Amino acid sequence: MKRLMRGVALAAGAAAVAVGVRSYLGKRRAIAMVPEELRHPVLYAPFQITSRLVVRALARVPVRPGPVAPGVTLDQRDLPPEVFVYQPKARALPSGALLYIHGGGYVIGHPSTYHPICSRIAAELGVLVVSVNYRKAVGDPFPAGLDDCFRALTWIHEQASALGIDPARIAVAGDSAGGGLAAALAQMAYDRDVPLCFQGLIYPMLDDRTALRDDHLGTGELVWTPASNRFGWTSYLGHRPGEAEPRAYAVPARRDDLTGLAPAWIGVGDLDLFHAEDVEYAGRLTLAGVPTDLVVVPGMYHGADAFLADRAESMIAFRDDFIAALRKAIASRP
C-alpha cells in the first residue's frame, strides 16, 4: 500500500510539474507577443482568482481611490446601490449622461478605483457620469449585480430633470465584467423600454462558454486566465459554465436576437481571453442591424489600458477611441 501511495504521489507531483511548465512556457510565449511599450510587471505575476479564499483576502486589502480630474466634483449617494456621481463644474444643461460599470470578473472590484477614467469622461465631454457599486457574485450571484445596475440606470432616468440630463442621451459602458453587465443592461433596457443611446463595451466578459474551450489560441495567458474565468462565471451563474441557462440576461452572448439594441463600441486586444467572444458578438450585432464599431489592438492583453493609460501610445489611442465614440453619442445635442 505504501508503495502504491508513493507512486500516486509521484504521479500527482509529475502532473503538477507538467502543468506548471506548460503554464510557464505559455506565459513566456504570450509575453513575447506583447510590444515593449505594453510590458508591465503585472505580466510576470502568477496571481489568479480561483477561490472564495482569494476573494476574501482581496476584500481585506484597503481600496486606494484614484484621483479625480480637476474641475470635476464627486458626490457619493446610496440609492441603494451606492453610486458615485461625477459632475464637471462647467456643464451645459441638459447634458448627456453615462452609467459606468467597473470590472473584476463579477467577483471583485470597487468604483473608487475608476475615479480617473470616470472623471476624465465627465470633464472632457461635459456630461454627468454615474458609477455603480453593484453587488459581487461570491456573496450575491446573478441577478443581484445586474439588478443594481438597472436600478442605477432607472434612477438616472427618473431624476433626469433634477440632474440636468437629456433622457435621449443616456449611455452605459463598462470594462471586463462591467462590460458584460453593460451588454446585459443594454438588452434589459431595450426589452423594458428604458431609453439607451449607446453601449461602450471595453473587453467585455460576455460568454460563459469560453470557459469550456481547451485551446484558447494563445489568448488568456496574461492577467485574466481561463482558471479565473471559470471561477468568475461559476460564482456569477451559480453553476458550472456551459450548463443550461434559461434566465434572460445572465449571459449576454447567449441572447438569440440582438435586433434593436443601442449602438455599440467594442474594444479588445488580440491576446485577451475575451478576444474571440467579443469579435463574435460585434459581428452578431452588426448582422442584427446594430451600428457597431469594433477596435482590436494587436499585442494588447486584458486590462492593459488600466496599467498603461498614460504611458503607452497604443493604450492612449485605445481610450481616446472609446471616448471619441462616447462624445459622438452623448456629448452634443442631436
C-alpha atoms as a PDB file:
ATOM      1  CA  MET A   1       0.000   0.000   0.000  1.00  0.00           C
ATOM      2  CA  LYS A   2       2.824   2.407   0.877  1.00  0.00           C
ATOM      3  CA  ARG A   3       4.423   1.715  -2.489  1.00  0.00           C
ATOM      4  CA  LEU A   4       1.098   2.383  -4.225  1.00  0.00           C
ATOM      5  CA  MET A   5       0.593   5.659  -2.343  1.00  0.00           C
ATOM      6  CA  ARG A   6       4.150   6.712  -3.136  1.00  0.00           C
ATOM      7  CA  GLY A   7       3.507   6.020  -6.803  1.00  0.00           C
ATOM      8  CA  VAL A   8       0.291   8.038  -6.739  1.00  0.00           C
ATOM      9  CA  ALA A   9       2.075  10.942  -5.043  1.00  0.00           C
ATOM     10  CA  LEU A  10       4.910  10.857  -7.583  1.00  0.00           C
ATOM     11  CA  ALA A  11       2.434  10.779 -10.473  1.00  0.00           C
ATOM     12  CA  ALA A  12       0.491  13.685  -8.988  1.00  0.00           C
ATOM     13  CA  GLY A  13       3.692  15.617  -8.472  1.00  0.00           C
ATOM     14  CA  ALA A  14       4.818  14.968 -12.022  1.00  0.00           C
ATOM     15  CA  ALA A  15       1.442  16.078 -13.360  1.00  0.00           C
ATOM     16  CA  ALA A  16       1.615  19.292 -11.304  1.00  0.00           C
ATOM     17  CA  VAL A  17       5.108  19.988 -12.599  1.00  0.00           C
ATOM     18  CA  ALA A  18       3.958  19.367 -16.185  1.00  0.00           C
ATOM     19  CA  VAL A  19       1.051  21.786 -15.756  1.00  0.00           C
ATOM     20  CA  GLY A  20       3.388  24.349 -14.241  1.00  0.00           C
ATOM     21  CA  VAL A  21       5.865  24.001 -17.076  1.00  0.00           C
ATOM     22  CA  ARG A  22       3.116  24.362 -19.701  1.00  0.00           C
ATOM     23  CA  SER A  23       1.796  27.437 -17.922  1.00  0.00           C
ATOM     24  CA  TYR A  24       5.271  28.956 -17.703  1.00  0.00           C
ATOM     25  CA  LEU A  25       6.032  28.276 -21.364  1.00  0.00           C
ATOM     26  CA  GLY A  26       2.626  29.587 -22.423  1.00  0.00           C
ATOM     27  CA  LYS A  27       3.176  32.790 -20.463  1.00  0.00           C
ATOM     28  CA  ARG A  28       6.643  33.250 -21.945  1.00  0.00           C
ATOM     29  CA  ARG A  29       5.260  32.854 -25.453  1.00  0.00           C
ATOM     30  CA  ALA A  30       2.439  35.293 -24.688  1.00  0.00           C
ATOM     31  CA  ILE A  31       4.792  37.920 -23.229  1.00  0.00           C
ATOM     32  CA  ALA A  32       6.974  37.602 -26.309  1.00  0.00           C
ATOM     33  CA  MET A  33       3.934  38.714 -28.344  1.00  0.00           C
ATOM     34  CA  VAL A  34       3.450  41.854 -26.229  1.00  0.00           C
ATOM     35  CA  PRO A  35       5.018  45.041 -27.658  1.00  0.00           C
ATOM     36  CA  GLU A  36       7.697  46.601 -25.474  1.00  0.00           C
ATOM     37  CA  GLU A  37       5.510  49.603 -24.659  1.00  0.00           C
ATOM     38  CA  LEU A  38       2.837  47.316 -23.179  1.00  0.00           C
ATOM     39  CA  ARG A  39       5.098  45.242 -20.942  1.00  0.00           C
ATOM     40  CA  HIS A  40       4.339  45.713 -17.263  1.00  0.00           C
ATOM     41  CA  PRO A  41       5.420  43.875 -14.069  1.00  0.00           C
ATOM     42  CA  VAL A  42       1.869  42.504 -13.667  1.00  0.00           C
ATOM     43  CA  LEU A  43       2.510  40.212 -16.646  1.00  0.00           C
ATOM     44  CA  TYR A  44       5.008  38.189 -14.653  1.00  0.00           C
ATOM     45  CA  ALA A  45       2.770  37.695 -11.614  1.00  0.00           C
ATOM     46  CA  PRO A  46       1.377  34.167 -11.110  1.00  0.00           C
ATOM     47  CA  PHE A  47      -1.787  35.545  -9.482  1.00  0.00           C
ATOM     48  CA  GLN A  48      -5.187  34.040 -10.330  1.00  0.00           C
ATOM     49  CA  ILE A  49      -8.656  34.373  -8.787  1.00  0.00           C
ATOM     50  CA  THR A  50      -9.807  30.802  -8.364  1.00  0.00           C
ATOM     51  CA  SER A  51     -11.404  30.527  -4.909  1.00  0.00           C
ATOM     52  CA  ARG A  52     -13.508  32.287  -2.299  1.00  0.00           C
ATOM     53  CA  LEU A  53     -10.414  32.370  -0.101  1.00  0.00           C
ATOM     54  CA  VAL A  54      -8.614  34.553  -2.633  1.00  0.00           C
ATOM     55  CA  VAL A  55     -11.651  36.834  -2.963  1.00  0.00           C
ATOM     56  CA  ARG A  56     -11.876  37.209   0.828  1.00  0.00           C
ATOM     57  CA  ALA A  57      -8.169  38.012   1.007  1.00  0.00           C
ATOM     58  CA  LEU A  58      -8.541  40.672  -1.677  1.00  0.00           C
ATOM     59  CA  ALA A  59     -11.537  42.144   0.135  1.00  0.00           C
ATOM     60  CA  ARG A  60      -9.305  42.821   3.153  1.00  0.00           C
ATOM     61  CA  VAL A  61      -6.896  44.899   1.082  1.00  0.00           C
ATOM     62  CA  PRO A  62      -7.691  48.605   1.562  1.00  0.00           C
ATOM     63  CA  VAL A  63      -9.129  50.248  -1.550  1.00  0.00           C
ATOM     64  CA  ARG A  64      -6.981  53.082  -2.860  1.00  0.00           C
ATOM     65  CA  PRO A  65      -9.234  55.575  -4.652  1.00  0.00           C
ATOM     66  CA  GLY A  66      -7.819  57.063  -7.834  1.00  0.00           C
ATOM     67  CA  PRO A  67      -7.524  60.824  -8.323  1.00  0.00           C
ATOM     68  CA  VAL A  68     -10.428  62.870  -9.614  1.00  0.00           C
ATOM     69  CA  ALA A  69      -9.766  65.088 -12.645  1.00  0.00           C
ATOM     70  CA  PRO A  70      -9.513  68.844 -11.998  1.00  0.00           C
ATOM     71  CA  GLY A  71     -12.781  70.720 -12.423  1.00  0.00           C
ATOM     72  CA  VAL A  72     -14.949  67.724 -11.524  1.00  0.00           C
ATOM     73  CA  THR A  73     -16.982  67.374  -8.334  1.00  0.00           C
ATOM     74  CA  LEU A  74     -17.612  63.936  -6.834  1.00  0.00           C
ATOM     75  CA  ASP A  75     -20.746  63.058  -4.899  1.00  0.00           C
ATOM     76  CA  GLN A  76     -21.418  59.704  -3.237  1.00  0.00           C
ATOM     77  CA  ARG A  77     -25.022  58.563  -2.841  1.00  0.00           C
ATOM     78  CA  ASP A  78     -26.798  55.455  -1.575  1.00  0.00           C
ATOM     79  CA  LEU A  79     -29.885  54.646  -3.644  1.00  0.00           C
ATOM     80  CA  PRO A  80     -29.245  51.726  -2.908  1.00  0.00           C
ATOM     81  CA  PRO A  81     -26.960  50.630  -4.559  1.00  0.00           C
ATOM     82  CA  GLU A  82     -24.155  53.014  -3.746  1.00  0.00           C
ATOM     83  CA  VAL A  83     -23.272  55.260  -6.678  1.00  0.00           C
ATOM     84  CA  PHE A  84     -20.594  57.848  -7.359  1.00  0.00           C
ATOM     85  CA  VAL A  85     -21.678  60.912  -9.339  1.00  0.00           C
ATOM     86  CA  TYR A  86     -19.094  62.926 -11.302  1.00  0.00           C
ATOM     87  CA  GLN A  87     -20.107  66.373 -12.476  1.00  0.00           C
ATOM     88  CA  PRO A  88     -17.959  68.900 -14.352  1.00  0.00           C
ATOM     89  CA  LYS A  89     -18.237  72.366 -12.882  1.00  0.00           C
ATOM     90  CA  ALA A  90     -18.951  73.814 -16.311  1.00  0.00           C
ATOM     91  CA  ARG A  91     -21.782  71.713 -17.778  1.00  0.00           C
ATOM     92  CA  ALA A  92     -24.279  72.942 -20.344  1.00  0.00           C
ATOM     93  CA  LEU A  93     -27.747  71.765 -19.314  1.00  0.00           C
ATOM     94  CA  PRO A  94     -29.339  69.500 -20.185  1.00  0.00           C
ATOM     95  CA  SER A  95     -26.325  67.296 -20.842  1.00  0.00           C
ATOM     96  CA  GLY A  96     -25.792  63.689 -21.740  1.00  0.00           C
ATOM     97  CA  ALA A  97     -25.062  61.100 -19.043  1.00  0.00           C
ATOM     98  CA  LEU A  98     -23.064  57.896 -18.736  1.00  0.00           C
ATOM     99  CA  LEU A  99     -23.565  54.986 -16.365  1.00  0.00           C
ATOM    100  CA  TYR A 100     -20.163  53.305 -15.905  1.00  0.00           C
ATOM    101  CA  ILE A 101     -19.834  49.742 -14.561  1.00  0.00           C
ATOM    102  CA  HIS A 102     -16.471  48.612 -13.201  1.00  0.00           C
ATOM    103  CA  GLY A 103     -14.780  45.291 -13.907  1.00  0.00           C
ATOM    104  CA  GLY A 104     -13.478  42.497 -11.697  1.00  0.00           C
ATOM    105  CA  GLY A 105     -14.665  39.166 -13.062  1.00  0.00           C
ATOM    106  CA  TYR A 106     -18.075  39.649 -11.373  1.00  0.00           C
ATOM    107  CA  VAL A 107     -16.382  38.872  -8.024  1.00  0.00           C
ATOM    108  CA  ILE A 108     -14.118  41.794  -7.058  1.00  0.00           C
ATOM    109  CA  GLY A 109     -13.584  45.494  -7.734  1.00  0.00           C
ATOM    110  CA  HIS A 110     -14.739  48.889  -6.496  1.00  0.00           C
ATOM    111  CA  PRO A 111     -15.796  52.004  -8.434  1.00  0.00           C
ATOM    112  CA  SER A 112     -13.494  54.330  -6.465  1.00  0.00           C
ATOM    113  CA  THR A 113     -10.504  52.924  -8.350  1.00  0.00           C
ATOM    114  CA  TYR A 114     -12.194  54.201 -11.529  1.00  0.00           C
ATOM    115  CA  HIS A 115     -12.260  57.851 -10.451  1.00  0.00           C
ATOM    116  CA  PRO A 116      -9.637  58.794 -13.091  1.00  0.00           C
ATOM    117  CA  ILE A 117     -11.473  57.478 -16.164  1.00  0.00           C
ATOM    118  CA  CYS A 118     -14.965  58.449 -14.969  1.00  0.00           C
ATOM    119  CA  SER A 119     -13.926  61.984 -14.032  1.00  0.00           C
ATOM    120  CA  ARG A 120     -11.958  62.336 -17.272  1.00  0.00           C
ATOM    121  CA  ILE A 121     -15.074  61.484 -19.278  1.00  0.00           C
ATOM    122  CA  ALA A 122     -17.122  63.981 -17.268  1.00  0.00           C
ATOM    123  CA  ALA A 123     -14.514  66.717 -17.749  1.00  0.00           C
ATOM    124  CA  GLU A 124     -13.768  66.174 -21.437  1.00  0.00           C
ATOM    125  CA  LEU A 125     -17.319  65.593 -22.625  1.00  0.00           C
ATOM    126  CA  GLY A 126     -19.163  67.931 -20.270  1.00  0.00           C
ATOM    127  CA  VAL A 127     -21.539  65.175 -19.153  1.00  0.00           C
ATOM    128  CA  LEU A 128     -22.733  63.639 -15.910  1.00  0.00           C
ATOM    129  CA  VAL A 129     -21.127  60.271 -15.093  1.00  0.00           C
ATOM    130  CA  VAL A 130     -22.542  57.798 -12.586  1.00  0.00           C
ATOM    131  CA  SER A 131     -20.519  54.791 -11.425  1.00  0.00           C
ATOM    132  CA  VAL A 132     -22.313  51.978  -9.604  1.00  0.00           C
ATOM    133  CA  ASN A 133     -21.040  49.776  -6.760  1.00  0.00           C
ATOM    134  CA  TYR A 134     -23.016  46.659  -7.649  1.00  0.00           C
ATOM    135  CA  ARG A 135     -23.148  43.521  -5.517  1.00  0.00           C
ATOM    136  CA  LYS A 136     -20.440  40.939  -6.254  1.00  0.00           C
ATOM    137  CA  ALA A 137     -21.166  37.378  -7.242  1.00  0.00           C
ATOM    138  CA  VAL A 138     -19.436  35.393  -4.483  1.00  0.00           C
ATOM    139  CA  GLY A 139     -21.997  36.642  -1.956  1.00  0.00           C
ATOM    140  CA  ASP A 140     -24.747  37.681  -4.350  1.00  0.00           C
ATOM    141  CA  PRO A 141     -24.908  35.761  -7.662  1.00  0.00           C
ATOM    142  CA  PHE A 142     -26.996  36.726 -10.699  1.00  0.00           C
ATOM    143  CA  PRO A 143     -29.235  38.667 -10.926  1.00  0.00           C
ATOM    144  CA  ALA A 144     -28.132  40.805  -7.939  1.00  0.00           C
ATOM    145  CA  GLY A 145     -25.355  42.757  -9.673  1.00  0.00           C
ATOM    146  CA  LEU A 146     -27.383  43.377 -12.816  1.00  0.00           C
ATOM    147  CA  ASP A 147     -30.401  44.440 -10.757  1.00  0.00           C
ATOM    148  CA  ASP A 148     -28.196  47.047  -9.047  1.00  0.00           C
ATOM    149  CA  CYS A 149     -27.047  48.359 -12.416  1.00  0.00           C
ATOM    150  CA  PHE A 150     -30.620  48.552 -13.708  1.00  0.00           C
ATOM    151  CA  ARG A 151     -31.653  50.417 -10.561  1.00  0.00           C
ATOM    152  CA  ALA A 152     -28.871  52.945 -11.172  1.00  0.00           C
ATOM    153  CA  LEU A 153     -29.968  53.363 -14.803  1.00  0.00           C
ATOM    154  CA  THR A 154     -33.620  53.877 -13.915  1.00  0.00           C
ATOM    155  CA  TRP A 155     -32.588  56.370 -11.200  1.00  0.00           C
ATOM    156  CA  ILE A 156     -30.751  58.429 -13.822  1.00  0.00           C
ATOM    157  CA  HIS A 157     -33.907  58.475 -15.959  1.00  0.00           C
ATOM    158  CA  GLU A 158     -36.226  59.210 -13.034  1.00  0.00           C
ATOM    159  CA  GLN A 159     -34.007  62.078 -11.853  1.00  0.00           C
ATOM    160  CA  ALA A 160     -33.139  63.372 -15.324  1.00  0.00           C
ATOM    161  CA  SER A 161     -34.753  66.755 -14.782  1.00  0.00           C
ATOM    162  CA  ALA A 162     -33.214  67.268 -11.327  1.00  0.00           C
ATOM    163  CA  LEU A 163     -29.805  66.106 -12.560  1.00  0.00           C
ATOM    164  CA  GLY A 164     -29.924  68.265 -15.692  1.00  0.00           C
ATOM    165  CA  ILE A 165     -29.853  65.318 -18.102  1.00  0.00           C
ATOM    166  CA  ASP A 166     -31.297  64.865 -21.573  1.00  0.00           C
ATOM    167  CA  PRO A 167     -33.083  61.447 -21.371  1.00  0.00           C
ATOM    168  CA  ALA A 168     -32.332  60.861 -25.056  1.00  0.00           C
ATOM    169  CA  ARG A 169     -28.573  60.968 -24.391  1.00  0.00           C
ATOM    170  CA  ILE A 170     -28.033  58.373 -21.670  1.00  0.00           C
ATOM    171  CA  ALA A 171     -25.392  55.715 -22.321  1.00  0.00           C
ATOM    172  CA  VAL A 172     -23.907  52.755 -20.491  1.00  0.00           C
ATOM    173  CA  ALA A 173     -20.325  51.484 -20.533  1.00  0.00           C
ATOM    174  CA  GLY A 174     -18.041  49.166 -18.620  1.00  0.00           C
ATOM    175  CA  ASP A 175     -14.876  47.100 -18.768  1.00  0.00           C
ATOM    176  CA  SER A 176     -14.396  43.336 -18.419  1.00  0.00           C
ATOM    177  CA  ALA A 177     -17.225  42.004 -16.210  1.00  0.00           C
ATOM    178  CA  GLY A 178     -18.535  45.574 -16.171  1.00  0.00           C
ATOM    179  CA  GLY A 179     -18.660  45.370 -19.953  1.00  0.00           C
ATOM    180  CA  GLY A 180     -20.629  42.150 -19.665  1.00  0.00           C
ATOM    181  CA  LEU A 181     -23.052  43.827 -17.279  1.00  0.00           C
ATOM    182  CA  ALA A 182     -23.298  46.796 -19.646  1.00  0.00           C
ATOM    183  CA  ALA A 183     -24.167  44.464 -22.533  1.00  0.00           C
ATOM    184  CA  ALA A 184     -26.791  42.673 -20.431  1.00  0.00           C
ATOM    185  CA  LEU A 185     -28.139  46.032 -19.268  1.00  0.00           C
ATOM    186  CA  ALA A 186     -28.481  47.205 -22.881  1.00  0.00           C
ATOM    187  CA  GLN A 187     -30.559  44.094 -23.585  1.00  0.00           C
ATOM    188  CA  MET A 188     -32.701  44.595 -20.488  1.00  0.00           C
ATOM    189  CA  ALA A 189     -33.184  48.302 -21.226  1.00  0.00           C
ATOM    190  CA  TYR A 190     -34.409  47.521 -24.737  1.00  0.00           C
ATOM    191  CA  ASP A 191     -36.857  44.873 -23.518  1.00  0.00           C
ATOM    192  CA  ARG A 192     -38.226  47.159 -20.782  1.00  0.00           C
ATOM    193  CA  ASP A 193     -38.454  50.301 -22.930  1.00  0.00           C
ATOM    194  CA  VAL A 194     -35.823  52.232 -20.984  1.00  0.00           C
ATOM    195  CA  PRO A 195     -34.135  54.581 -23.496  1.00  0.00           C
ATOM    196  CA  LEU A 196     -30.409  53.975 -24.032  1.00  0.00           C
ATOM    197  CA  CYS A 197     -28.475  55.647 -26.833  1.00  0.00           C
ATOM    198  CA  PHE A 198     -25.109  53.850 -26.654  1.00  0.00           C
ATOM    199  CA  GLN A 199     -23.243  50.911 -25.123  1.00  0.00           C
ATOM    200  CA  GLY A 200     -19.467  51.035 -24.704  1.00  0.00           C
ATOM    201  CA  LEU A 201     -18.028  47.570 -24.096  1.00  0.00           C
ATOM    202  CA  ILE A 202     -14.358  47.512 -23.108  1.00  0.00           C
ATOM    203  CA  TYR A 203     -13.017  43.937 -23.469  1.00  0.00           C
ATOM    204  CA  PRO A 204     -16.377  42.694 -22.140  1.00  0.00           C
ATOM    205  CA  MET A 205     -16.907  39.359 -20.363  1.00  0.00           C
ATOM    206  CA  LEU A 206     -19.837  38.127 -22.449  1.00  0.00           C
ATOM    207  CA  ASP A 207     -19.853  34.351 -22.820  1.00  0.00           C
ATOM    208  CA  ASP A 208     -19.504  31.654 -20.139  1.00  0.00           C
ATOM    209  CA  ARG A 209     -18.891  29.069 -22.859  1.00  0.00           C
ATOM    210  CA  THR A 210     -15.381  30.432 -23.366  1.00  0.00           C
ATOM    211  CA  ALA A 211     -14.585  28.600 -20.120  1.00  0.00           C
ATOM    212  CA  LEU A 212     -15.306  25.292 -21.879  1.00  0.00           C
ATOM    213  CA  ARG A 213     -12.613  25.714 -24.514  1.00  0.00           C
ATOM    214  CA  ASP A 214      -9.336  23.832 -24.140  1.00  0.00           C
ATOM    215  CA  ASP A 215      -7.473  25.718 -26.856  1.00  0.00           C
ATOM    216  CA  HIS A 216      -7.565  29.487 -26.468  1.00  0.00           C
ATOM    217  CA  LEU A 217      -5.232  30.038 -29.409  1.00  0.00           C
ATOM    218  CA  GLY A 218      -2.595  31.867 -27.377  1.00  0.00           C
ATOM    219  CA  THR A 219      -5.033  34.178 -25.576  1.00  0.00           C
ATOM    220  CA  GLY A 220      -5.723  34.324 -21.852  1.00  0.00           C
ATOM    221  CA  GLU A 221      -2.189  33.647 -20.658  1.00  0.00           C
ATOM    222  CA  LEU A 222      -1.842  37.120 -19.170  1.00  0.00           C
ATOM    223  CA  VAL A 223      -3.749  38.840 -16.314  1.00  0.00           C
ATOM    224  CA  TRP A 224      -7.197  37.199 -16.732  1.00  0.00           C
ATOM    225  CA  THR A 225      -6.770  33.465 -17.276  1.00  0.00           C
ATOM    226  CA  PRO A 226      -9.092  30.564 -18.121  1.00  0.00           C
ATOM    227  CA  ALA A 227      -8.949  29.410 -14.476  1.00  0.00           C
ATOM    228  CA  SER A 228     -10.029  32.822 -13.199  1.00  0.00           C
ATOM    229  CA  ASN A 229     -12.703  32.944 -15.892  1.00  0.00           C
ATOM    230  CA  ARG A 230     -14.193  29.618 -14.798  1.00  0.00           C
ATOM    231  CA  PHE A 231     -14.349  30.793 -11.195  1.00  0.00           C
ATOM    232  CA  GLY A 232     -15.876  34.144 -12.132  1.00  0.00           C
ATOM    233  CA  TRP A 233     -18.627  32.638 -14.258  1.00  0.00           C
ATOM    234  CA  THR A 234     -19.342  29.818 -11.778  1.00  0.00           C
ATOM    235  CA  SER A 235     -19.720  32.368  -8.983  1.00  0.00           C
ATOM    236  CA  TYR A 236     -21.934  34.637 -11.067  1.00  0.00           C
ATOM    237  CA  LEU A 237     -24.241  31.984 -12.520  1.00  0.00           C
ATOM    238  CA  GLY A 238     -24.318  29.656  -9.510  1.00  0.00           C
ATOM    239  CA  HIS A 239     -23.499  26.674 -11.701  1.00  0.00           C
ATOM    240  CA  ARG A 240     -20.729  25.448 -13.953  1.00  0.00           C
ATOM    241  CA  PRO A 241     -20.165  27.391 -17.182  1.00  0.00           C
ATOM    242  CA  GLY A 242     -21.840  25.916 -20.241  1.00  0.00           C
ATOM    243  CA  GLU A 243     -24.782  24.360 -18.433  1.00  0.00           C
ATOM    244  CA  ALA A 244     -28.329  25.169 -19.482  1.00  0.00           C
ATOM    245  CA  GLU A 245     -29.122  28.797 -18.662  1.00  0.00           C
ATOM    246  CA  PRO A 246     -32.760  29.784 -19.254  1.00  0.00           C
ATOM    247  CA  ARG A 247     -32.538  33.088 -17.373  1.00  0.00           C
ATOM    248  CA  ALA A 248     -32.584  36.116 -19.635  1.00  0.00           C
ATOM    249  CA  TYR A 249     -29.576  38.478 -19.391  1.00  0.00           C
ATOM    250  CA  ALA A 250     -27.426  36.039 -17.353  1.00  0.00           C
ATOM    251  CA  VAL A 251     -25.053  35.520 -20.294  1.00  0.00           C
ATOM    252  CA  PRO A 252     -25.259  38.347 -22.858  1.00  0.00           C
ATOM    253  CA  ALA A 253     -23.755  36.280 -25.684  1.00  0.00           C
ATOM    254  CA  ARG A 254     -26.461  33.634 -25.344  1.00  0.00           C
ATOM    255  CA  ARG A 255     -29.236  36.030 -26.397  1.00  0.00           C
ATOM    256  CA  ASP A 256     -30.535  34.942 -29.799  1.00  0.00           C
ATOM    257  CA  ASP A 257     -31.980  38.193 -31.112  1.00  0.00           C
ATOM    258  CA  LEU A 258     -29.839  41.336 -30.860  1.00  0.00           C
ATOM    259  CA  THR A 259     -32.085  43.454 -33.071  1.00  0.00           C
ATOM    260  CA  GLY A 260     -32.866  46.932 -31.818  1.00  0.00           C
ATOM    261  CA  LEU A 261     -30.129  47.247 -29.217  1.00  0.00           C
ATOM    262  CA  ALA A 262     -28.293  50.530 -28.661  1.00  0.00           C
ATOM    263  CA  PRO A 263     -25.345  51.314 -30.968  1.00  0.00           C
ATOM    264  CA  ALA A 264     -22.154  49.762 -29.659  1.00  0.00           C
ATOM    265  CA  TRP A 265     -18.416  50.285 -29.390  1.00  0.00           C
ATOM    266  CA  ILE A 266     -16.396  47.164 -28.548  1.00  0.00           C
ATOM    267  CA  GLY A 267     -12.656  47.267 -27.872  1.00  0.00           C
ATOM    268  CA  VAL A 268     -10.384  44.303 -27.114  1.00  0.00           C
ATOM    269  CA  GLY A 269      -6.807  43.119 -27.565  1.00  0.00           C
ATOM    270  CA  ASP A 270      -5.861  40.097 -29.630  1.00  0.00           C
ATOM    271  CA  LEU A 271      -4.093  38.494 -26.607  1.00  0.00           C
ATOM    272  CA  ASP A 272      -7.153  38.920 -24.391  1.00  0.00           C
ATOM    273  CA  LEU A 273      -9.020  35.769 -23.358  1.00  0.00           C
ATOM    274  CA  PHE A 274     -12.240  37.525 -24.456  1.00  0.00           C
ATOM    275  CA  HIS A 275     -10.974  38.344 -27.956  1.00  0.00           C
ATOM    276  CA  ALA A 276     -12.940  35.643 -29.790  1.00  0.00           C
ATOM    277  CA  GLU A 277     -16.208  36.131 -27.913  1.00  0.00           C
ATOM    278  CA  ASP A 278     -16.024  39.925 -28.289  1.00  0.00           C
ATOM    279  CA  VAL A 279     -15.322  39.805 -32.013  1.00  0.00           C
ATOM    280  CA  GLU A 280     -18.161  37.307 -32.468  1.00  0.00           C
ATOM    281  CA  TYR A 281     -20.590  39.489 -30.503  1.00  0.00           C
ATOM    282  CA  ALA A 282     -19.628  42.553 -32.530  1.00  0.00           C
ATOM    283  CA  GLY A 283     -20.297  40.586 -35.714  1.00  0.00           C
ATOM    284  CA  ARG A 284     -23.689  39.433 -34.464  1.00  0.00           C
ATOM    285  CA  LEU A 285     -24.652  42.991 -33.510  1.00  0.00           C
ATOM    286  CA  THR A 286     -23.707  44.170 -36.995  1.00  0.00           C
ATOM    287  CA  LEU A 287     -25.707  41.384 -38.639  1.00  0.00           C
ATOM    288  CA  ALA A 288     -28.682  42.373 -36.468  1.00  0.00           C
ATOM    289  CA  GLY A 289     -28.502  45.906 -37.848  1.00  0.00           C
ATOM    290  CA  VAL A 290     -26.983  47.494 -34.720  1.00  0.00           C
ATOM    291  CA  PRO A 291     -24.358  50.150 -35.598  1.00  0.00           C
ATOM    292  CA  THR A 292     -21.186  48.723 -34.103  1.00  0.00           C
ATOM    293  CA  ASP A 293     -17.561  49.841 -34.023  1.00  0.00           C
ATOM    294  CA  LEU A 294     -15.007  47.116 -33.260  1.00  0.00           C
ATOM    295  CA  VAL A 295     -11.460  48.020 -32.221  1.00  0.00           C
ATOM    296  CA  VAL A 296      -8.898  45.199 -31.930  1.00  0.00           C
ATOM    297  CA  VAL A 297      -5.421  46.117 -30.684  1.00  0.00           C
ATOM    298  CA  PRO A 298      -2.521  43.811 -31.637  1.00  0.00           C
ATOM    299  CA  GLY A 299      -0.443  42.681 -28.662  1.00  0.00           C
ATOM    300  CA  MET A 300      -2.921  44.010 -26.099  1.00  0.00           C
ATOM    301  CA  TYR A 301      -3.709  41.793 -23.110  1.00  0.00           C
ATOM    302  CA  HIS A 302      -6.635  42.072 -20.685  1.00  0.00           C
ATOM    303  CA  GLY A 303      -6.668  45.369 -18.808  1.00  0.00           C
ATOM    304  CA  ALA A 304      -3.557  46.780 -20.459  1.00  0.00           C
ATOM    305  CA  ASP A 305      -5.109  50.233 -20.748  1.00  0.00           C
ATOM    306  CA  ALA A 306      -5.667  50.347 -16.980  1.00  0.00           C
ATOM    307  CA  PHE A 307      -1.978  49.716 -16.325  1.00  0.00           C
ATOM    308  CA  LEU A 308      -0.563  51.935 -19.064  1.00  0.00           C
ATOM    309  CA  ALA A 309      -3.249  54.512 -19.863  1.00  0.00           C
ATOM    310  CA  ASP A 310      -0.854  57.460 -19.655  1.00  0.00           C
ATOM    311  CA  ARG A 311       2.355  55.894 -20.958  1.00  0.00           C
ATOM    312  CA  ALA A 312       1.769  53.598 -23.923  1.00  0.00           C
ATOM    313  CA  GLU A 313       0.765  55.269 -27.188  1.00  0.00           C
ATOM    314  CA  SER A 314      -1.454  52.378 -28.237  1.00  0.00           C
ATOM    315  CA  MET A 315      -3.349  52.495 -24.925  1.00  0.00           C
ATOM    316  CA  ILE A 316      -3.736  56.253 -25.117  1.00  0.00           C
ATOM    317  CA  ALA A 317      -5.182  55.770 -28.605  1.00  0.00           C
ATOM    318  CA  PHE A 318      -7.430  52.940 -27.360  1.00  0.00           C
ATOM    319  CA  ARG A 319      -9.004  55.103 -24.657  1.00  0.00           C
ATOM    320  CA  ASP A 320      -9.187  58.101 -26.977  1.00  0.00           C
ATOM    321  CA  ASP A 321     -11.132  55.996 -29.487  1.00  0.00           C
ATOM    322  CA  PHE A 322     -13.599  54.921 -26.795  1.00  0.00           C
ATOM    323  CA  ILE A 323     -14.066  58.488 -25.560  1.00  0.00           C
ATOM    324  CA  ALA A 324     -14.497  59.746 -29.151  1.00  0.00           C
ATOM    325  CA  ALA A 325     -17.330  57.235 -29.631  1.00  0.00           C
ATOM    326  CA  LEU A 326     -18.890  58.425 -26.378  1.00  0.00           C
ATOM    327  CA  ARG A 327     -18.523  62.038 -27.483  1.00  0.00           C
ATOM    328  CA  LYS A 328     -20.417  61.308 -30.682  1.00  0.00           C
ATOM    329  CA  ALA A 329     -23.196  59.580 -28.771  1.00  0.00           C
ATOM    330  CA  ILE A 330     -23.813  61.839 -25.761  1.00  0.00           C
ATOM    331  CA  ALA A 331     -21.689  64.989 -25.706  1.00  0.00           C
ATOM    332  CA  SER A 332     -23.654  67.185 -28.101  1.00  0.00           C
ATOM    333  CA  ARG A 333     -27.269  67.665 -28.956  1.00  0.00           C
ATOM    334  CA  PRO A 334     -28.615  65.596 -31.884  1.00  0.00           C
END
